[in-house]
Amino acid sequence: MRRGPDDLGFQTDGLVELAELKARAESADMALLDDGETSCCDASSEEHWVADPQRIAWEHFHTLGDIPVVSEAASIDASAPAAARPRRAASRSASR
């Protein structure tokens, strides 16, 4: 059984800084998975992943904005069957 974190990350202040992290990883011949623009849990972001020598995944990302979750929806029809209602998104920190 593996113990410890599944992944760690660096959040950048801008896309230029994110591009610099990506260039450093590429120049170090690190395996890189580029997710590009994506959405996860409660935010949209530009991101890519690298793994360190201990095989811990590192996410490099820049948050582009929030995405709506059920609690922020304008209205939810409470009379609709549960299967037709949107599900509440898990918090970003819970998935990391």
C-alpha atoms as a PDB file:
ATOM      1  CA  MET A   1       0.000   0.000   0.000  1.00  0.00           C
ATOM      2  CA  ARG A   2       1.330   3.392  -0.976  1.00  0.00           C
ATOM      3  CA  ARG A   3       1.268   6.029   1.748  1.00  0.00           C
ATOM      4  CA  GLY A   4       1.439   9.782   1.421  1.00  0.00           C
ATOM      5  CA  PRO A   5      -0.096  12.246  -0.993  1.00  0.00           C
ATOM      6  CA  ASP A   6      -1.457  11.242  -4.390  1.00  0.00           C
ATOM      7  CA  ASP A   7      -0.516  14.572  -5.921  1.00  0.00           C
ATOM      8  CA  LEU A   8       0.780  18.042  -5.127  1.00  0.00           C
ATOM      9  CA  GLY A   9       0.514  21.227  -7.096  1.00  0.00           C
ATOM     10  CA  PHE A  10       1.668  24.701  -7.955  1.00  0.00           C
ATOM     11  CA  GLN A  11      -0.943  27.336  -8.716  1.00  0.00           C
ATOM     12  CA  THR A  12       0.440  30.150 -10.843  1.00  0.00           C
ATOM     13  CA  ASP A  13      -0.610  33.798 -10.908  1.00  0.00           C
ATOM     14  CA  GLY A  14      -0.782  33.850 -14.703  1.00  0.00           C
ATOM     15  CA  LEU A  15      -0.444  31.930 -17.931  1.00  0.00           C
ATOM     16  CA  VAL A  16       3.111  33.218 -18.522  1.00  0.00           C
ATOM     17  CA  GLU A  17       4.293  31.659 -15.251  1.00  0.00           C
ATOM     18  CA  LEU A  18       2.464  28.428 -16.132  1.00  0.00           C
ATOM     19  CA  ALA A  19       4.224  28.343 -19.517  1.00  0.00           C
ATOM     20  CA  GLU A  20       7.582  28.821 -17.737  1.00  0.00           C
ATOM     21  CA  LEU A  21       6.910  25.807 -15.482  1.00  0.00           C
ATOM     22  CA  LYS A  22       5.973  23.750 -18.529  1.00  0.00           C
ATOM     23  CA  ALA A  23       9.147  24.805 -20.375  1.00  0.00           C
ATOM     24  CA  ARG A  24      11.289  23.853 -17.354  1.00  0.00           C
ATOM     25  CA  ALA A  25       9.673  20.415 -17.169  1.00  0.00           C
ATOM     26  CA  GLU A  26      10.158  19.856 -20.898  1.00  0.00           C
ATOM     27  CA  SER A  27      13.807  20.974 -20.770  1.00  0.00           C
ATOM     28  CA  ALA A  28      14.390  18.502 -17.916  1.00  0.00           C
ATOM     29  CA  ASP A  29      12.924  15.702 -20.099  1.00  0.00           C
ATOM     30  CA  MET A  30      10.171  15.066 -17.548  1.00  0.00           C
ATOM     31  CA  ALA A  31       7.123  13.143 -18.719  1.00  0.00           C
ATOM     32  CA  LEU A  32       4.396  15.729 -19.106  1.00  0.00           C
ATOM     33  CA  LEU A  33       0.646  15.334 -19.481  1.00  0.00           C
ATOM     34  CA  ASP A  34      -0.906  18.527 -20.861  1.00  0.00           C
ATOM     35  CA  ASP A  35      -4.606  18.810 -19.968  1.00  0.00           C
ATOM     36  CA  GLY A  36      -4.870  22.277 -21.502  1.00  0.00           C
ATOM     37  CA  GLU A  37      -8.041  24.111 -20.513  1.00  0.00           C
ATOM     38  CA  THR A  38     -10.165  21.898 -18.297  1.00  0.00           C
ATOM     39  CA  SER A  39     -12.777  21.970 -15.543  1.00  0.00           C
ATOM     40  CA  CYS A  40     -12.532  20.191 -12.230  1.00  0.00           C
ATOM     41  CA  CYS A  41     -14.976  20.370  -9.336  1.00  0.00           C
ATOM     42  CA  ASP A  42     -15.490  24.106  -8.844  1.00  0.00           C
ATOM     43  CA  ALA A  43     -13.014  25.786 -11.220  1.00  0.00           C
ATOM     44  CA  SER A  44     -11.889  25.975 -14.809  1.00  0.00           C
ATOM     45  CA  SER A  45      -8.153  26.044 -15.295  1.00  0.00           C
ATOM     46  CA  GLU A  46      -5.247  25.601 -17.675  1.00  0.00           C
ATOM     47  CA  GLU A  47      -3.075  22.757 -16.382  1.00  0.00           C
ATOM     48  CA  HIS A  48      -0.443  20.143 -16.988  1.00  0.00           C
ATOM     49  CA  TRP A  49       1.030  17.340 -14.881  1.00  0.00           C
ATOM     50  CA  VAL A  50       4.552  16.042 -14.261  1.00  0.00           C
ATOM     51  CA  ALA A  51       5.877  13.290 -11.974  1.00  0.00           C
ATOM     52  CA  ASP A  52       8.912  13.647  -9.723  1.00  0.00           C
ATOM     53  CA  PRO A  53      11.560  10.913  -9.255  1.00  0.00           C
ATOM     54  CA  GLN A  54       9.491   9.432  -6.379  1.00  0.00           C
ATOM     55  CA  ARG A  55       6.546   9.153  -8.841  1.00  0.00           C
ATOM     56  CA  ILE A  56       4.471  11.788  -7.060  1.00  0.00           C
ATOM     57  CA  ALA A  57       2.278  13.657  -9.545  1.00  0.00           C
ATOM     58  CA  TRP A  58       2.624  17.443  -9.564  1.00  0.00           C
ATOM     59  CA  GLU A  59      -0.109  19.596 -11.065  1.00  0.00           C
ATOM     60  CA  HIS A  60       0.910  22.968 -12.477  1.00  0.00           C
ATOM     61  CA  PHE A  61      -2.203  25.084 -13.009  1.00  0.00           C
ATOM     62  CA  HIS A  62      -3.640  28.543 -13.434  1.00  0.00           C
ATOM     63  CA  THR A  63      -7.257  29.061 -12.373  1.00  0.00           C
ATOM     64  CA  LEU A  64      -9.253  30.750 -15.126  1.00  0.00           C
ATOM     65  CA  GLY A  65     -12.541  31.074 -13.238  1.00  0.00           C
ATOM     66  CA  ASP A  66     -15.201  29.432 -11.157  1.00  0.00           C
ATOM     67  CA  ILE A  67     -17.775  27.065 -12.565  1.00  0.00           C
ATOM     68  CA  PRO A  68     -21.287  26.965 -11.100  1.00  0.00           C
ATOM     69  CA  VAL A  69     -22.197  24.288  -8.583  1.00  0.00           C
ATOM     70  CA  VAL A  70     -25.687  23.281  -7.490  1.00  0.00           C
ATOM     71  CA  SER A  71     -25.729  25.638  -4.501  1.00  0.00           C
ATOM     72  CA  GLU A  72     -25.109  28.524  -6.922  1.00  0.00           C
ATOM     73  CA  ALA A  73     -27.771  27.521  -9.437  1.00  0.00           C
ATOM     74  CA  ALA A  74     -30.458  30.148 -10.058  1.00  0.00           C
ATOM     75  CA  SER A  75     -33.248  27.735  -9.214  1.00  0.00           C
ATOM     76  CA  ILE A  76     -33.757  24.022  -8.795  1.00  0.00           C
ATOM     77  CA  ASP A  77     -37.156  22.426  -9.257  1.00  0.00           C
ATOM     78  CA  ALA A  78     -37.582  20.597  -5.936  1.00  0.00           C
ATOM     79  CA  SER A  79     -40.576  18.724  -7.358  1.00  0.00           C
ATOM     80  CA  ALA A  80     -38.440  17.121 -10.078  1.00  0.00           C
ATOM     81  CA  PRO A  81     -37.369  13.505  -9.528  1.00  0.00           C
ATOM     82  CA  ALA A  82     -34.011  13.283  -7.749  1.00  0.00           C
ATOM     83  CA  ALA A  83     -32.401  11.722 -10.839  1.00  0.00           C
ATOM     84  CA  ALA A  84     -33.307  14.835 -12.859  1.00  0.00           C
ATOM     85  CA  ARG A  85     -31.761  17.273 -10.380  1.00  0.00           C
ATOM     86  CA  PRO A  86     -28.115  18.302 -10.767  1.00  0.00           C
ATOM     87  CA  ARG A  87     -25.680  16.763  -8.302  1.00  0.00           C
ATOM     88  CA  ARG A  88     -23.591  18.871  -5.971  1.00  0.00           C
ATOM     89  CA  ALA A  89     -19.962  18.963  -7.064  1.00  0.00           C
ATOM     90  CA  ALA A  90     -17.369  17.674  -4.603  1.00  0.00           C
ATOM     91  CA  SER A  91     -15.055  20.341  -3.262  1.00  0.00           C
ATOM     92  CA  ARG A  92     -11.757  20.726  -5.120  1.00  0.00           C
ATOM     93  CA  SER A  93      -9.764  20.041  -1.959  1.00  0.00           C
ATOM     94  CA  ALA A  94     -11.663  16.809  -1.313  1.00  0.00           C
ATOM     95  CA  SER A  95     -10.593  15.407  -4.679  1.00  0.00           C
ATOM     96  CA  ARG A  96      -6.940  16.209  -4.203  1.00  0.00           C
END
